[in-house]
């Protein structure tokens, strides 16, 4: 049986920090013009499922309501935003920038336990496309990390479109493509070569695809692919696009933070272009994840380009909590103010005076506490 854990203990010391981080995130998002969007936690499963992949469905919580409708607790915010835009907001001018701080409910396995509730802080740029839109969301992510005071992190930038193109032009059937993708995620280039060579794939594609699984990322990955397949204009166009994204980020001073890592292909199936994850040695999982999803909104209505990201609030708190908790103990020492039942107003007046001066105060009733 799984050990089911809630998002955080009810009186955990990190509760106030979670609130501070959320407020800081929404301030940063708002500063870039992203308006907060409200989406329901409870959805009709049949309406939302077209935007969920098999893994998201498997980890979701579903039940039948009193009217016989199959309902689902939101397992991911982005598909819910896509549905809300397609059904309710499609008439608004594009690009549309929205942000959120929402709970998701799904099974997250970690260290033998299963966490059910978690929080996502994120933003979606709907209707934006090209280098400008993709770089914009990266800059929003980077600003929030800087505002929070995080230093030890980097952004791994991959491209789902490039990976899908290489796999499809290699001639590998869909089932084999999935096996190759799993080997790439496992960072096992030898397994990638074995699968493709057993299939009879041409050597140029074997070498180009196996480089995706390499542990060493960087622009050299793009060089290897170009040298292996030198006569494919569509492939060259995609590689040039990635170079433009990397060059722009580097010119803005974030070159050491953002690095090409073509094997970073984890995440939901709806990504169709760039994909990225923010990682840190001090975190047990990714800090943030994002990417382009130009086909997701079309599953609910009309195809509309979009790109976005979400932060794991729990991971941010995990990184910030030790440092901020120590600072809190130093800065916020509460003075105890005794309020007796015989003359409560006198004690409360002292407490109110302290609070008017923004001084930390805690009420005690010493007579009652001695009983």
Protein backbone atom coordinates (compact mmCIF):
# COMPACT_ATOMS: atom_id res chain seq x y z
CA UNK A 1 0.00 0.00 0.00
CA UNK A 2 1.28 3.49 -0.84
CA UNK A 3 2.11 5.93 1.91
CA UNK A 4 -0.10 8.83 0.86
CA UNK A 5 1.15 12.25 1.98
CA UNK A 6 -0.55 15.61 1.75
CA UNK A 7 1.32 18.58 0.32
CA UNK A 8 2.64 19.76 3.70
CA UNK A 9 1.90 19.21 7.41
CA UNK A 10 -0.91 21.44 8.66
CA UNK A 11 1.35 23.53 10.92
CA UNK A 12 4.60 23.21 8.98
CA UNK A 13 7.01 26.13 9.40
CA UNK A 14 7.13 26.58 5.61
CA UNK A 15 3.48 27.67 5.29
CA UNK A 16 4.30 31.38 5.52
CA UNK A 17 7.23 30.94 3.14
CA UNK A 18 4.93 29.29 0.60
CA UNK A 19 2.67 32.32 0.78
CA UNK A 20 5.64 34.70 0.35
CA UNK A 21 6.97 32.78 -2.65
CA UNK A 22 3.54 32.72 -4.28
CA UNK A 23 3.12 36.48 -3.77
CA UNK A 24 6.58 37.13 -5.23
CA UNK A 25 5.84 34.93 -8.23
CA UNK A 26 2.54 36.62 -9.01
CA UNK A 27 4.23 40.02 -8.72
CA UNK A 28 6.90 38.99 -11.24
CA UNK A 29 4.33 37.52 -13.62
CA UNK A 30 2.19 40.64 -13.35
CA UNK A 31 5.23 42.79 -14.05
CA UNK A 32 5.54 41.10 -17.45
CA UNK A 33 1.86 41.64 -18.22
CA UNK A 34 0.52 38.21 -17.24
CA UNK A 35 -2.99 38.45 -15.76
CA UNK A 36 -4.09 35.90 -13.19
CA UNK A 37 -6.58 33.35 -14.50
CA UNK A 38 -9.07 31.35 -12.44
CA UNK A 39 -9.71 27.75 -13.43
CA UNK A 40 -11.74 25.11 -11.57
CA UNK A 41 -10.10 22.35 -9.56
CA UNK A 42 -12.92 19.96 -10.48
CA UNK A 43 -13.51 19.23 -14.18
CA UNK A 44 -15.69 16.96 -16.30
CA UNK A 45 -13.28 14.20 -17.28
CA UNK A 46 -14.64 13.80 -20.81
CA UNK A 47 -14.04 17.51 -21.48
CA UNK A 48 -10.49 17.60 -20.13
CA UNK A 49 -9.12 14.18 -21.07
CA UNK A 50 -8.34 15.10 -24.69
CA UNK A 51 -5.61 17.38 -23.34
CA UNK A 52 -4.10 14.78 -20.98
CA UNK A 53 -1.59 12.11 -21.93
CA UNK A 54 -1.76 8.52 -20.71
CA UNK A 55 0.55 9.13 -17.76
CA UNK A 56 -1.44 12.13 -16.55
CA UNK A 57 -4.67 10.16 -16.78
CA UNK A 58 -3.15 7.22 -14.90
CA UNK A 59 -2.05 9.47 -12.03
CA UNK A 60 -5.30 11.45 -11.83
CA UNK A 61 -8.16 11.10 -9.35
CA UNK A 62 -11.58 10.46 -10.90
CA UNK A 63 -15.00 9.81 -9.43
CA UNK A 64 -18.66 9.79 -10.42
CA UNK A 65 -20.82 12.61 -9.08
CA UNK A 66 -24.46 12.29 -7.96
CA UNK A 67 -25.67 13.07 -11.48
CA UNK A 68 -23.62 10.23 -12.94
CA UNK A 69 -20.93 12.44 -14.53
CA UNK A 70 -17.34 11.25 -14.47
CA UNK A 71 -15.32 14.02 -12.80
CA UNK A 72 -11.57 14.54 -12.40
CA UNK A 73 -9.51 16.62 -9.98
CA UNK A 74 -7.16 18.76 -12.06
CA UNK A 75 -3.85 16.83 -12.51
CA UNK A 76 -2.10 19.55 -14.56
CA UNK A 77 -2.84 23.25 -14.98
CA UNK A 78 -1.79 23.82 -18.60
CA UNK A 79 -4.45 21.58 -20.25
CA UNK A 80 -7.08 23.24 -18.04
CA UNK A 81 -5.88 26.68 -19.18
CA UNK A 82 -5.97 25.52 -22.80
CA UNK A 83 -9.55 24.30 -22.40
CA UNK A 84 -10.60 27.51 -20.65
CA UNK A 85 -9.12 29.60 -23.44
CA UNK A 86 -10.74 27.51 -26.20
CA UNK A 87 -14.18 27.51 -24.54
CA UNK A 88 -14.35 30.93 -22.90
CA UNK A 89 -11.57 33.33 -23.94
CA UNK A 90 -11.02 32.70 -27.64
CA UNK A 91 -12.46 36.07 -28.61
CA UNK A 92 -9.80 38.04 -26.72
CA UNK A 93 -6.99 39.69 -28.70
CA UNK A 94 -3.76 37.76 -29.02
CA UNK A 95 -1.21 37.36 -27.63
CA UNK A 96 -2.91 36.65 -24.33
CA UNK A 97 -0.75 36.39 -21.20
CA UNK A 98 -2.17 34.55 -18.20
CA UNK A 99 -0.66 33.38 -14.91
CA UNK A 100 -1.80 31.14 -12.07
CA UNK A 101 -1.06 29.77 -8.63
CA UNK A 102 -3.08 26.58 -8.45
CA UNK A 103 -3.25 23.25 -6.70
CA UNK A 104 -2.98 20.05 -8.71
CA UNK A 105 -4.05 16.65 -7.47
CA UNK A 106 -2.21 13.61 -8.77
CA UNK A 107 0.00 10.81 -7.53
CA UNK A 108 3.65 11.89 -7.37
CA UNK A 109 5.90 9.02 -6.32
CA UNK A 110 9.03 9.86 -4.36
CA UNK A 111 11.11 7.79 -1.96
CA UNK A 112 8.44 5.12 -1.52
CA UNK A 113 5.70 7.61 -0.67
CA UNK A 114 3.01 9.08 -2.85
CA UNK A 115 2.27 12.78 -2.61
CA UNK A 116 -1.23 13.70 -3.74
CA UNK A 117 -1.50 17.48 -3.51
CA UNK A 118 1.00 19.94 -4.91
CA UNK A 119 1.03 23.51 -6.17
CA UNK A 120 2.03 24.94 -9.52
CA UNK A 121 3.00 28.56 -10.12
CA UNK A 122 3.11 29.36 -13.79
CA UNK A 123 2.32 31.45 -16.81
CA UNK A 124 1.12 30.84 -20.36
CA UNK A 125 1.74 33.01 -23.43
CA UNK A 126 -1.13 32.17 -25.77
CA UNK A 127 -0.86 33.29 -29.39
CA UNK A 128 2.85 34.08 -29.15
CA UNK A 129 5.32 32.30 -31.39
CA UNK A 130 8.88 32.47 -32.62
CA UNK A 131 12.11 33.35 -30.85
CA UNK A 132 10.63 36.42 -29.16
CA UNK A 133 7.89 34.45 -27.38
CA UNK A 134 10.13 31.54 -26.43
CA UNK A 135 12.81 33.82 -25.00
CA UNK A 136 10.22 35.91 -23.15
CA UNK A 137 9.04 32.98 -21.04
CA UNK A 138 12.64 32.02 -20.29
CA UNK A 139 13.32 35.55 -19.05
CA UNK A 140 10.26 35.46 -16.78
CA UNK A 141 11.50 32.20 -15.28
CA UNK A 142 14.99 33.59 -14.77
CA UNK A 143 13.72 36.79 -13.15
CA UNK A 144 11.66 34.92 -10.58
CA UNK A 145 14.61 32.71 -9.63
CA UNK A 146 16.78 35.79 -9.21
CA UNK A 147 14.12 37.62 -7.15
CA UNK A 148 13.92 34.64 -4.83
CA UNK A 149 17.67 34.77 -4.31
CA UNK A 150 18.46 31.38 -5.85
CA UNK A 151 21.98 31.08 -7.23
CA UNK A 152 22.73 27.40 -7.79
CA UNK A 153 20.53 26.49 -10.75
CA UNK A 154 20.64 26.13 -14.51
CA UNK A 155 18.12 25.75 -17.34
CA UNK A 156 18.38 22.76 -19.68
CA UNK A 157 16.97 23.64 -23.09
CA UNK A 158 15.83 20.87 -25.45
CA UNK A 159 13.62 20.74 -28.54
CA UNK A 160 10.80 18.24 -28.86
CA UNK A 161 10.20 19.24 -32.48
CA UNK A 162 13.78 18.44 -33.44
CA UNK A 163 13.69 15.08 -31.67
CA UNK A 164 10.34 14.15 -33.23
CA UNK A 165 11.60 15.13 -36.68
CA UNK A 166 14.74 13.01 -36.39
CA UNK A 167 12.78 9.98 -35.19
CA UNK A 168 10.11 10.27 -37.88
CA UNK A 169 12.56 10.79 -40.79
CA UNK A 170 14.67 7.87 -39.59
CA UNK A 171 11.84 5.57 -40.64
CA UNK A 172 11.39 4.03 -37.20
CA UNK A 173 7.78 2.89 -36.52
CA UNK A 174 5.88 4.55 -33.70
CA UNK A 175 6.45 1.69 -31.23
CA UNK A 176 10.19 1.78 -31.80
CA UNK A 177 10.25 5.57 -31.48
CA UNK A 178 8.87 5.22 -27.97
CA UNK A 179 11.60 2.73 -27.08
CA UNK A 180 14.23 5.10 -28.43
CA UNK A 181 12.74 8.00 -26.50
CA UNK A 182 12.93 5.99 -23.28
CA UNK A 183 16.59 5.23 -23.98
CA UNK A 184 17.24 8.93 -24.58
CA UNK A 185 15.58 9.83 -21.28
CA UNK A 186 17.75 7.18 -19.60
CA UNK A 187 20.81 8.87 -21.17
CA UNK A 188 21.91 5.60 -22.77
CA UNK A 189 23.35 6.30 -26.26
CA UNK A 190 24.54 2.70 -26.63
CA UNK A 191 20.95 1.46 -26.21
CA UNK A 192 19.74 4.03 -28.75
CA UNK A 193 22.30 2.73 -31.27
CA UNK A 194 21.39 -0.89 -30.58
CA UNK A 195 17.66 -0.33 -31.11
CA UNK A 196 18.12 1.63 -34.32
CA UNK A 197 20.78 -0.68 -35.80
CA UNK A 198 18.62 -3.74 -35.09
CA UNK A 199 15.92 -1.94 -37.07
CA UNK A 200 18.31 -1.34 -39.98
CA UNK A 201 18.29 2.44 -39.62
CA UNK A 202 20.83 4.31 -41.73
CA UNK A 203 23.99 5.14 -39.82
CA UNK A 204 23.61 8.91 -40.27
CA UNK A 205 20.36 8.82 -38.30
CA UNK A 206 21.80 6.43 -35.72
CA UNK A 207 24.59 8.90 -34.95
CA UNK A 208 22.33 11.98 -35.02
CA UNK A 209 19.71 10.46 -32.70
CA UNK A 210 22.18 8.85 -30.30
CA UNK A 211 23.75 12.25 -29.58
CA UNK A 212 20.45 13.27 -27.96
CA UNK A 213 21.14 10.75 -25.20
CA UNK A 214 24.60 12.10 -24.43
CA UNK A 215 25.33 13.31 -20.92
CA UNK A 216 27.28 16.27 -22.23
CA UNK A 217 24.99 18.89 -23.72
CA UNK A 218 25.89 22.18 -25.38
CA UNK A 219 25.95 23.58 -28.88
CA UNK A 220 28.24 20.75 -29.96
CA UNK A 221 25.18 18.49 -30.00
CA UNK A 222 23.79 20.63 -32.82
CA UNK A 223 27.13 20.44 -34.64
CA UNK A 224 27.11 16.64 -34.54
CA UNK A 225 23.58 16.47 -35.96
CA UNK A 226 24.41 18.93 -38.76
CA UNK A 227 27.53 16.98 -39.71
CA UNK A 228 25.69 13.64 -39.64
CA UNK A 229 22.80 14.86 -41.83
CA UNK A 230 24.20 17.72 -43.95
CA UNK A 231 21.54 17.82 -46.66
CA UNK A 232 18.19 18.35 -44.89
CA UNK A 233 16.92 21.96 -45.15
CA UNK A 234 14.08 21.39 -42.65
CA UNK A 235 16.52 20.03 -40.11
CA UNK A 236 18.92 22.93 -40.67
CA UNK A 237 16.08 25.39 -40.20
CA UNK A 238 15.19 23.90 -36.82
CA UNK A 239 18.80 23.84 -35.66
CA UNK A 240 19.19 27.48 -36.74
CA UNK A 241 16.13 28.32 -34.64
CA UNK A 242 17.67 26.76 -31.55
CA UNK A 243 20.90 28.62 -32.19
CA UNK A 244 18.94 31.89 -32.38
CA UNK A 245 17.26 31.19 -29.02
CA UNK A 246 20.59 30.33 -27.40
CA UNK A 247 22.33 33.35 -28.95
CA UNK A 248 19.62 35.75 -27.78
CA UNK A 249 19.71 34.43 -24.23
CA UNK A 250 23.51 34.63 -24.22
CA UNK A 251 23.51 38.24 -25.48
CA UNK A 252 21.17 39.12 -22.59
CA UNK A 253 23.72 37.83 -20.09
CA UNK A 254 22.18 34.44 -19.27
CA UNK A 255 24.48 32.24 -21.32
CA UNK A 256 25.91 30.49 -18.27
CA UNK A 257 22.43 29.81 -16.92
CA UNK A 258 20.81 28.36 -20.06
CA UNK A 259 22.45 25.47 -21.91
CA UNK A 260 21.41 23.25 -24.79
CA UNK A 261 20.65 19.71 -23.59
CA UNK A 262 18.77 17.88 -26.32
CA UNK A 263 18.07 14.87 -24.11
CA UNK A 264 15.89 16.86 -21.71
CA UNK A 265 12.72 15.48 -23.31
CA UNK A 266 10.83 14.52 -20.17
CA UNK A 267 7.45 16.02 -19.44
CA UNK A 268 3.93 15.84 -20.90
CA UNK A 269 3.28 14.69 -24.44
CA UNK A 270 1.75 18.01 -25.52
CA UNK A 271 5.11 19.75 -26.04
CA UNK A 272 5.73 20.46 -29.74
CA UNK A 273 8.75 22.79 -29.74
CA UNK A 274 11.31 23.92 -27.22
CA UNK A 275 11.17 22.31 -23.82
CA UNK A 276 13.14 23.22 -20.76
CA UNK A 277 13.61 22.31 -17.13
CA UNK A 278 15.21 24.22 -14.28
CA UNK A 279 17.34 22.05 -12.02
CA UNK A 280 19.55 22.53 -8.99
CA UNK A 281 21.90 20.25 -7.09
CA UNK A 282 20.06 21.12 -3.88
CA UNK A 283 16.64 20.01 -5.13
CA UNK A 284 15.19 16.51 -5.14
CA UNK A 285 13.37 17.18 -8.45
CA UNK A 286 13.03 19.85 -11.13
CA UNK A 287 12.29 23.40 -9.99
CA UNK A 288 10.37 24.43 -13.08
CA UNK A 289 9.41 22.94 -16.40
CA UNK A 290 8.05 24.49 -19.55
CA UNK A 291 7.86 24.47 -23.30
CA UNK A 292 5.91 25.17 -26.46
CA UNK A 293 2.59 23.42 -27.12
CA UNK A 294 1.14 24.60 -30.43
CA UNK A 295 -1.35 21.72 -30.78
CA UNK A 296 -2.83 21.49 -27.28
CA UNK A 297 -5.42 24.26 -27.59
CA UNK A 298 -6.51 22.79 -30.91
CA UNK A 299 -7.61 19.63 -29.12
CA UNK A 300 -10.36 21.76 -27.58
CA UNK A 301 -11.01 24.09 -30.52
CA UNK A 302 -8.81 25.89 -33.05
CA UNK A 303 -5.03 25.39 -33.20
CA UNK A 304 -3.37 28.30 -31.41
CA UNK A 305 0.37 28.60 -30.72
CA UNK A 306 1.33 28.82 -27.06
CA UNK A 307 4.28 28.50 -24.75
CA UNK A 308 4.46 28.46 -20.97
CA UNK A 309 5.96 27.04 -17.81
CA UNK A 310 5.14 25.96 -14.28
CA UNK A 311 7.16 26.06 -11.07
CA UNK A 312 6.90 23.41 -8.38
CA UNK A 313 6.13 25.44 -5.26
CA UNK A 314 7.22 22.53 -3.07
CA UNK A 315 10.66 22.43 -4.69
CA UNK A 316 11.11 26.18 -4.32
CA UNK A 317 10.26 25.93 -0.63
CA UNK A 318 12.62 22.97 -0.27
CA UNK A 319 15.47 25.13 -1.57
CA UNK A 320 14.56 28.30 0.30
CA UNK A 321 13.26 26.97 3.62
CA UNK A 322 16.51 26.24 5.53
CA UNK A 323 18.00 29.66 4.81
CA UNK A 324 14.79 31.61 5.30
CA UNK A 325 13.81 29.67 8.43
CA UNK A 326 17.11 30.56 10.10
CA UNK A 327 16.62 34.20 9.16
CA UNK A 328 13.10 34.14 10.49
CA UNK A 329 14.22 32.88 13.88
CA UNK A 330 16.72 35.74 14.10
CA UNK A 331 14.45 38.52 12.90
CA UNK A 332 11.01 37.65 14.18
CA UNK A 333 11.29 37.06 17.90
CA UNK A 334 7.82 37.43 19.38
CA UNK A 335 7.39 39.38 22.60
CA UNK A 336 4.94 37.74 24.94
CA UNK A 337 2.13 40.03 26.11
CA UNK A 338 0.15 38.82 29.09
CA UNK A 339 -3.61 39.38 28.87
CA UNK A 340 -5.45 38.47 32.03
CA UNK A 341 -9.09 37.58 32.24
CA UNK A 342 -9.57 40.11 35.06
CA UNK A 343 -8.52 43.13 32.94
CA UNK A 344 -8.13 41.94 29.35
CA UNK A 345 -8.37 45.39 27.76
CA UNK A 346 -5.18 46.57 29.45
CA UNK A 347 -3.16 43.68 28.03
CA UNK A 348 -4.75 43.94 24.61
CA UNK A 349 -3.96 47.67 24.49
CA UNK A 350 -0.27 46.85 24.83
CA UNK A 351 -0.57 44.20 22.15
CA UNK A 352 -2.36 46.59 19.77
CA UNK A 353 0.27 49.26 20.32
CA UNK A 354 2.99 46.80 19.36
CA UNK A 355 1.10 45.67 16.29
CA UNK A 356 0.55 49.30 15.18
CA UNK A 357 4.33 49.51 15.12
CA UNK A 358 4.54 46.20 13.23
CA UNK A 359 6.24 44.43 16.13
CA UNK A 360 5.82 40.67 16.49
CA UNK A 361 3.53 39.84 19.39
CA UNK A 362 2.08 36.72 20.97
CA UNK A 363 -0.73 36.76 23.52
CA UNK A 364 -0.38 34.65 26.66
CA UNK A 365 -2.64 34.13 29.64
CA UNK A 366 -0.20 33.10 32.33
CA UNK A 367 -2.87 32.39 34.93
CA UNK A 368 -4.65 30.04 32.54
CA UNK A 369 -1.44 28.40 31.37
CA UNK A 370 -0.41 27.60 34.96
CA UNK A 371 -3.52 25.53 35.55
